[in-house]
Amino acid sequence: MFCVSLLLNFCGTRAKLPRIIGGVEAALGRWPWQVSLYYSNRHTCGGSIITSQWVVTAAHSQTNLCALAHDRK
């Protein structure tokens, strides 16, 4: 019974990989519509520029943000 319960904790769960397999680092400017959202100097999520003032990203990417209170680089 103990062995079965251990296996059930991992069954159907994919291992998280630290990078994209076979991927390479993109050159700066290669994908100009892509953005990287940072919090405390760490990448937290990606997004896409949809207008000169808007970026679309996943809703779960950021919490407790105040609109128009952030810098863009």
PDB file of N, CA and C in Angstrom:
ATOM      1  N   MET A   1       0.822  -1.186   0.000  1.00  0.00           N
ATOM      2  CA  MET A   1       0.000   0.000   0.000  1.00  0.00           C
ATOM      3  C   MET A   1       0.871   1.257   0.000  1.00  0.00           C
ATOM      4  N   PHE A   2       1.966   1.236   0.742  1.00  0.00           N
ATOM      5  CA  PHE A   2       2.866   2.384   0.815  1.00  0.00           C
ATOM      6  C   PHE A   2       3.459   2.702  -0.558  1.00  0.00           C
ATOM      7  N   CYS A   3       3.900   1.683  -1.298  1.00  0.00           N
ATOM      8  CA  CYS A   3       4.486   1.886  -2.626  1.00  0.00           C
ATOM      9  C   CYS A   3       3.471   2.481  -3.586  1.00  0.00           C
ATOM     10  N   VAL A   4       2.240   2.018  -3.524  1.00  0.00           N
ATOM     11  CA  VAL A   4       1.194   2.513  -4.415  1.00  0.00           C
ATOM     12  C   VAL A   4       0.935   3.992  -4.154  1.00  0.00           C
ATOM     13  N   SER A   5       0.866   4.392  -2.887  1.00  0.00           N
ATOM     14  CA  SER A   5       0.599   5.799  -2.582  1.00  0.00           C
ATOM     15  C   SER A   5       1.747   6.698  -3.041  1.00  0.00           C
ATOM     16  N   LEU A   6       2.979   6.214  -2.992  1.00  0.00           N
ATOM     17  CA  LEU A   6       4.107   6.994  -3.496  1.00  0.00           C
ATOM     18  C   LEU A   6       4.013   7.182  -5.002  1.00  0.00           C
ATOM     19  N   LEU A   7       3.642   6.140  -5.705  1.00  0.00           N
ATOM     20  CA  LEU A   7       3.526   6.217  -7.158  1.00  0.00           C
ATOM     21  C   LEU A   7       2.400   7.144  -7.578  1.00  0.00           C
ATOM     22  N   LEU A   8       1.311   7.166  -6.841  1.00  0.00           N
ATOM     23  CA  LEU A   8       0.180   8.010  -7.199  1.00  0.00           C
ATOM     24  C   LEU A   8       0.519   9.494  -7.104  1.00  0.00           C
ATOM     25  N   ASN A   9       1.448   9.851  -6.244  1.00  0.00           N
ATOM     26  CA  ASN A   9       1.846  11.252  -6.136  1.00  0.00           C
ATOM     27  C   ASN A   9       2.535  11.754  -7.398  1.00  0.00           C
ATOM     28  N   PHE A  10       3.143  10.868  -8.172  1.00  0.00           N
ATOM     29  CA  PHE A  10       3.882  11.269  -9.359  1.00  0.00           C
ATOM     30  C   PHE A  10       3.209  10.840 -10.656  1.00  0.00           C
ATOM     31  N   CYS A  11       2.222  10.012 -10.593  1.00  0.00           N
ATOM     32  CA  CYS A  11       1.560   9.487 -11.782  1.00  0.00           C
ATOM     33  C   CYS A  11       0.912  10.621 -12.580  1.00  0.00           C
ATOM     34  N   GLY A  12       1.232  10.714 -13.842  1.00  0.00           N
ATOM     35  CA  GLY A  12       0.639  11.726 -14.702  1.00  0.00           C
ATOM     36  C   GLY A  12       1.242  13.109 -14.550  1.00  0.00           C
ATOM     37  N   THR A  13       2.292  13.240 -13.769  1.00  0.00           N
ATOM     38  CA  THR A  13       2.935  14.535 -13.563  1.00  0.00           C
ATOM     39  C   THR A  13       4.220  14.590 -14.370  1.00  0.00           C
ATOM     40  N   ARG A  14       4.299  15.577 -15.260  1.00  0.00           N
ATOM     41  CA  ARG A  14       5.504  15.740 -16.064  1.00  0.00           C
ATOM     42  C   ARG A  14       6.602  16.402 -15.254  1.00  0.00           C
ATOM     43  N   ALA A  15       7.813  15.977 -15.485  1.00  0.00           N
ATOM     44  CA  ALA A  15       8.958  16.613 -14.823  1.00  0.00           C
ATOM     45  C   ALA A  15       9.165  18.002 -15.422  1.00  0.00           C
ATOM     46  N   LYS A  16       9.464  18.982 -14.585  1.00  0.00           N
ATOM     47  CA  LYS A  16       9.746  20.329 -15.074  1.00  0.00           C
ATOM     48  C   LYS A  16      11.172  20.375 -15.586  1.00  0.00           C
ATOM     49  N   LEU A  17      11.322  20.920 -16.775  1.00  0.00           N
ATOM     50  CA  LEU A  17      12.641  21.040 -17.376  1.00  0.00           C
ATOM     51  C   LEU A  17      13.090  22.493 -17.286  1.00  0.00           C
ATOM     52  N   PRO A  18      14.368  22.731 -17.053  1.00  0.00           N
ATOM     53  CA  PRO A  18      14.855  24.090 -16.879  1.00  0.00           C
ATOM     54  C   PRO A  18      14.957  24.896 -18.175  1.00  0.00           C
ATOM     55  N   ARG A  19      14.777  24.260 -19.321  1.00  0.00           N
ATOM     56  CA  ARG A  19      14.902  24.972 -20.591  1.00  0.00           C
ATOM     57  C   ARG A  19      14.128  24.229 -21.671  1.00  0.00           C
ATOM     58  N   ILE A  20      14.034  24.826 -22.822  1.00  0.00           N
ATOM     59  CA  ILE A  20      13.395  24.184 -23.963  1.00  0.00           C
ATOM     60  C   ILE A  20      14.431  23.285 -24.621  1.00  0.00           C
ATOM     61  N   ILE A  21      14.082  22.032 -24.817  1.00  0.00           N
ATOM     62  CA  ILE A  21      15.006  21.076 -25.425  1.00  0.00           C
ATOM     63  C   ILE A  21      15.275  21.481 -26.871  1.00  0.00           C
ATOM     64  N   GLY A  22      16.529  21.593 -27.216  1.00  0.00           N
ATOM     65  CA  GLY A  22      16.907  21.959 -28.582  1.00  0.00           C
ATOM     66  C   GLY A  22      16.770  23.448 -28.869  1.00  0.00           C
ATOM     67  N   GLY A  23      16.360  24.231 -27.874  1.00  0.00           N
ATOM     68  CA  GLY A  23      16.184  25.660 -28.072  1.00  0.00           C
ATOM     69  C   GLY A  23      17.504  26.410 -28.025  1.00  0.00           C
ATOM     70  N   VAL A  24      17.491  27.584 -28.595  1.00  0.00           N
ATOM     71  CA  VAL A  24      18.661  28.453 -28.556  1.00  0.00           C
ATOM     72  C   VAL A  24      18.220  29.842 -28.109  1.00  0.00           C
ATOM     73  N   GLU A  25      19.146  30.590 -27.542  1.00  0.00           N
ATOM     74  CA  GLU A  25      18.838  31.946 -27.106  1.00  0.00           C
ATOM     75  C   GLU A  25      18.586  32.830 -28.323  1.00  0.00           C
ATOM     76  N   ALA A  26      17.502  33.581 -28.278  1.00  0.00           N
ATOM     77  CA  ALA A  26      17.148  34.454 -29.400  1.00  0.00           C
ATOM     78  C   ALA A  26      18.016  35.703 -29.392  1.00  0.00           C
ATOM     79  N   ALA A  27      18.344  36.163 -30.573  1.00  0.00           N
ATOM     80  CA  ALA A  27      19.091  37.415 -30.704  1.00  0.00           C
ATOM     81  C   ALA A  27      18.177  38.580 -30.335  1.00  0.00           C
ATOM     82  N   LEU A  28      18.734  39.594 -29.701  1.00  0.00           N
ATOM     83  CA  LEU A  28      17.981  40.772 -29.315  1.00  0.00           C
ATOM     84  C   LEU A  28      17.314  41.390 -30.546  1.00  0.00           C
ATOM     85  N   GLY A  29      16.011  41.593 -30.484  1.00  0.00           N
ATOM     86  CA  GLY A  29      15.267  42.181 -31.592  1.00  0.00           C
ATOM     87  C   GLY A  29      14.722  41.182 -32.592  1.00  0.00           C
ATOM     88  N   ARG A  30      15.052  39.902 -32.436  1.00  0.00           N
ATOM     89  CA  ARG A  30      14.584  38.876 -33.385  1.00  0.00           C
ATOM     90  C   ARG A  30      13.070  38.717 -33.336  1.00  0.00           C
ATOM     91  N   TRP A  31      12.479  38.831 -32.187  1.00  0.00           N
ATOM     92  CA  TRP A  31      11.029  38.715 -32.001  1.00  0.00           C
ATOM     93  C   TRP A  31      10.551  39.990 -31.305  1.00  0.00           C
ATOM     94  N   PRO A  32      10.451  41.099 -32.023  1.00  0.00           N
ATOM     95  CA  PRO A  32      10.221  42.409 -31.405  1.00  0.00           C
ATOM     96  C   PRO A  32       8.878  42.578 -30.702  1.00  0.00           C
ATOM     97  N   TRP A  33       7.932  41.709 -30.935  1.00  0.00           N
ATOM     98  CA  TRP A  33       6.622  41.805 -30.273  1.00  0.00           C
ATOM     99  C   TRP A  33       6.579  41.042 -28.952  1.00  0.00           C
ATOM    100  N   GLN A  34       7.622  40.308 -28.642  1.00  0.00           N
ATOM    101  CA  GLN A  34       7.680  39.545 -27.389  1.00  0.00           C
ATOM    102  C   GLN A  34       8.253  40.409 -26.268  1.00  0.00           C
ATOM    103  N   VAL A  35       7.707  40.247 -25.066  1.00  0.00           N
ATOM    104  CA  VAL A  35       8.220  40.970 -23.903  1.00  0.00           C
ATOM    105  C   VAL A  35       8.506  39.988 -22.780  1.00  0.00           C
ATOM    106  N   SER A  36       9.339  40.414 -21.870  1.00  0.00           N
ATOM    107  CA  SER A  36       9.634  39.646 -20.668  1.00  0.00           C
ATOM    108  C   SER A  36       9.238  40.508 -19.480  1.00  0.00           C
ATOM    109  N   LEU A  37       8.351  40.007 -18.638  1.00  0.00           N
ATOM    110  CA  LEU A  37       7.911  40.739 -17.460  1.00  0.00           C
ATOM    111  C   LEU A  37       8.790  40.350 -16.283  1.00  0.00           C
ATOM    112  N   TYR A  38       9.322  41.344 -15.618  1.00  0.00           N
ATOM    113  CA  TYR A  38      10.230  41.132 -14.494  1.00  0.00           C
ATOM    114  C   TYR A  38       9.614  41.644 -13.203  1.00  0.00           C
ATOM    115  N   TYR A  39       9.920  40.960 -12.116  1.00  0.00           N
ATOM    116  CA  TYR A  39       9.563  41.402 -10.777  1.00  0.00           C
ATOM    117  C   TYR A  39      10.752  41.087  -9.885  1.00  0.00           C
ATOM    118  N   SER A  40      11.249  42.074  -9.172  1.00  0.00           N
ATOM    119  CA  SER A  40      12.440  41.915  -8.324  1.00  0.00           C
ATOM    120  C   SER A  40      13.615  41.334  -9.107  1.00  0.00           C
ATOM    121  N   ASN A  41      13.830  41.866 -10.293  1.00  0.00           N
ATOM    122  CA  ASN A  41      14.930  41.455 -11.173  1.00  0.00           C
ATOM    123  C   ASN A  41      14.879  39.998 -11.601  1.00  0.00           C
ATOM    124  N   ARG A  42      13.676  39.405 -11.616  1.00  0.00           N
ATOM    125  CA  ARG A  42      13.498  38.021 -12.088  1.00  0.00           C
ATOM    126  C   ARG A  42      12.416  37.970 -13.142  1.00  0.00           C
ATOM    127  N   HIS A  43      12.659  37.208 -14.191  1.00  0.00           N
ATOM    128  CA  HIS A  43      11.637  36.994 -15.213  1.00  0.00           C
ATOM    129  C   HIS A  43      10.467  36.260 -14.570  1.00  0.00           C
ATOM    130  N   THR A  44       9.266  36.790 -14.721  1.00  0.00           N
ATOM    131  CA  THR A  44       8.090  36.141 -14.140  1.00  0.00           C
ATOM    132  C   THR A  44       7.137  35.611 -15.192  1.00  0.00           C
ATOM    133  N   CYS A  45       7.121  36.232 -16.361  1.00  0.00           N
ATOM    134  CA  CYS A  45       6.182  35.800 -17.395  1.00  0.00           C
ATOM    135  C   CYS A  45       6.553  36.473 -18.708  1.00  0.00           C
ATOM    136  N   GLY A  46       6.030  35.943 -19.775  1.00  0.00           N
ATOM    137  CA  GLY A  46       6.207  36.549 -21.085  1.00  0.00           C
ATOM    138  C   GLY A  46       4.905  37.165 -21.557  1.00  0.00           C
ATOM    139  N   GLY A  47       4.979  37.945 -22.597  1.00  0.00           N
ATOM    140  CA  GLY A  47       3.788  38.560 -23.162  1.00  0.00           C
ATOM    141  C   GLY A  47       4.044  38.974 -24.594  1.00  0.00           C
ATOM    142  N   SER A  48       2.991  39.508 -25.219  1.00  0.00           N
ATOM    143  CA  SER A  48       3.090  39.987 -26.593  1.00  0.00           C
ATOM    144  C   SER A  48       2.549  41.401 -26.683  1.00  0.00           C
ATOM    145  N   ILE A  49       3.255  42.261 -27.398  1.00  0.00           N
ATOM    146  CA  ILE A  49       2.794  43.628 -27.615  1.00  0.00           C
ATOM    147  C   ILE A  49       1.644  43.577 -28.611  1.00  0.00           C
ATOM    148  N   ILE A  50       0.503  44.194 -28.247  1.00  0.00           N
ATOM    149  CA  ILE A  50      -0.633  44.206 -29.174  1.00  0.00           C
ATOM    150  C   ILE A  50      -0.936  45.614 -29.694  1.00  0.00           C
ATOM    151  N   THR A  51      -0.518  46.652 -28.988  1.00  0.00           N
ATOM    152  CA  THR A  51      -0.572  48.038 -29.464  1.00  0.00           C
ATOM    153  C   THR A  51       0.621  48.763 -28.852  1.00  0.00           C
ATOM    154  N   SER A  52       0.731  50.042 -29.142  1.00  0.00           N
ATOM    155  CA  SER A  52       1.853  50.809 -28.592  1.00  0.00           C
ATOM    156  C   SER A  52       1.766  50.976 -27.081  1.00  0.00           C
ATOM    157  N   GLN A  53       0.597  50.702 -26.489  1.00  0.00           N
ATOM    158  CA  GLN A  53       0.430  50.876 -25.044  1.00  0.00           C
ATOM    159  C   GLN A  53      -0.030  49.622 -24.308  1.00  0.00           C
ATOM    160  N   TRP A  54      -0.232  48.513 -25.013  1.00  0.00           N
ATOM    161  CA  TRP A  54      -0.787  47.315 -24.366  1.00  0.00           C
ATOM    162  C   TRP A  54       0.039  46.069 -24.649  1.00  0.00           C
ATOM    163  N   VAL A  55       0.187  45.264 -23.594  1.00  0.00           N
ATOM    164  CA  VAL A  55       0.824  43.949 -23.676  1.00  0.00           C
ATOM    165  C   VAL A  55      -0.179  42.933 -23.159  1.00  0.00           C
ATOM    166  N   VAL A  56      -0.354  41.842 -23.885  1.00  0.00           N
ATOM    167  CA  VAL A  56      -1.247  40.776 -23.421  1.00  0.00           C
ATOM    168  C   VAL A  56      -0.390  39.656 -22.837  1.00  0.00           C
ATOM    169  N   THR A  57      -0.837  39.116 -21.705  1.00  0.00           N
ATOM    170  CA  THR A  57      -0.134  38.036 -21.025  1.00  0.00           C
ATOM    171  C   THR A  57      -1.168  37.181 -20.314  1.00  0.00           C
ATOM    172  N   ALA A  58      -0.749  36.100 -19.717  1.00  0.00           N
ATOM    173  CA  ALA A  58      -1.666  35.233 -18.978  1.00  0.00           C
ATOM    174  C   ALA A  58      -2.125  35.935 -17.696  1.00  0.00           C
ATOM    175  N   ALA A  59      -3.379  35.742 -17.335  1.00  0.00           N
ATOM    176  CA  ALA A  59      -3.952  36.405 -16.157  1.00  0.00           C
ATOM    177  C   ALA A  59      -3.225  36.021 -14.874  1.00  0.00           C
ATOM    178  N   HIS A  60      -2.725  34.809 -14.802  1.00  0.00           N
ATOM    179  CA  HIS A  60      -2.065  34.360 -13.573  1.00  0.00           C
ATOM    180  C   HIS A  60      -0.619  34.859 -13.458  1.00  0.00           C
ATOM    181  N   SER A  61      -0.129  35.529 -14.483  1.00  0.00           N
ATOM    182  CA  SER A  61       1.270  35.961 -14.478  1.00  0.00           C
ATOM    183  C   SER A  61       1.582  37.003 -13.419  1.00  0.00           C
ATOM    184  N   GLN A  62       0.684  37.916 -13.190  1.00  0.00           N
ATOM    185  CA  GLN A  62       0.940  39.015 -12.265  1.00  0.00           C
ATOM    186  C   GLN A  62      -0.232  39.167 -11.304  1.00  0.00           C
ATOM    187  N   THR A  63       0.067  39.490 -10.078  1.00  0.00           N
ATOM    188  CA  THR A  63      -0.973  39.781  -9.095  1.00  0.00           C
ATOM    189  C   THR A  63      -0.614  41.063  -8.361  1.00  0.00           C
ATOM    190  N   ASN A  64      -1.603  41.723  -7.833  1.00  0.00           N
ATOM    191  CA  ASN A  64      -1.417  42.948  -7.046  1.00  0.00           C
ATOM    192  C   ASN A  64      -0.671  44.044  -7.800  1.00  0.00           C
ATOM    193  N   LEU A  65      -0.991  44.213  -9.077  1.00  0.00           N
ATOM    194  CA  LEU A  65      -0.364  45.270  -9.863  1.00  0.00           C
ATOM    195  C   LEU A  65      -1.260  46.496  -9.901  1.00  0.00           C
ATOM    196  N   CYS A  66      -0.651  47.641  -9.946  1.00  0.00           N
ATOM    197  CA  CYS A  66      -1.368  48.905 -10.086  1.00  0.00           C
ATOM    198  C   CYS A  66      -1.133  49.399 -11.510  1.00  0.00           C
ATOM    199  N   ALA A  67      -2.195  49.590 -12.272  1.00  0.00           N
ATOM    200  CA  ALA A  67      -2.067  50.015 -13.662  1.00  0.00           C
ATOM    201  C   ALA A  67      -1.315  51.339 -13.762  1.00  0.00           C
ATOM    202  N   LEU A  68      -0.476  51.441 -14.762  1.00  0.00           N
ATOM    203  CA  LEU A  68       0.304  52.640 -15.083  1.00  0.00           C
ATOM    204  C   LEU A  68       1.366  52.996 -14.048  1.00  0.00           C
ATOM    205  N   ALA A  69       1.685  52.088 -13.151  1.00  0.00           N
ATOM    206  CA  ALA A  69       2.676  52.380 -12.114  1.00  0.00           C
ATOM    207  C   ALA A  69       4.007  51.683 -12.366  1.00  0.00           C
ATOM    208  N   HIS A  70       4.231  51.219 -13.586  1.00  0.00           N
ATOM    209  CA  HIS A  70       5.414  50.411 -13.853  1.00  0.00           C
ATOM    210  C   HIS A  70       6.210  50.975 -15.013  1.00  0.00           C
ATOM    211  N   ASP A  71       7.491  50.763 -14.963  1.00  0.00           N
ATOM    212  CA  ASP A  71       8.389  51.251 -16.003  1.00  0.00           C
ATOM    213  C   ASP A  71       8.454  50.268 -17.153  1.00  0.00           C
ATOM    214  N   ARG A  72       8.689  50.790 -18.319  1.00  0.00           N
ATOM    215  CA  ARG A  72       8.964  49.917 -19.456  1.00  0.00           C
ATOM    216  C   ARG A  72      10.353  50.244 -19.960  1.00  0.00           C
ATOM    217  N   LYS A  73      11.025  49.244 -20.451  1.00  0.00           N
ATOM    218  CA  LYS A  73      12.409  49.423 -20.910  1.00  0.00           C
ATOM    219  C   LYS A  73      12.509  49.059 -22.370  1.00  0.00           C
TER     220      LYS A  73
END
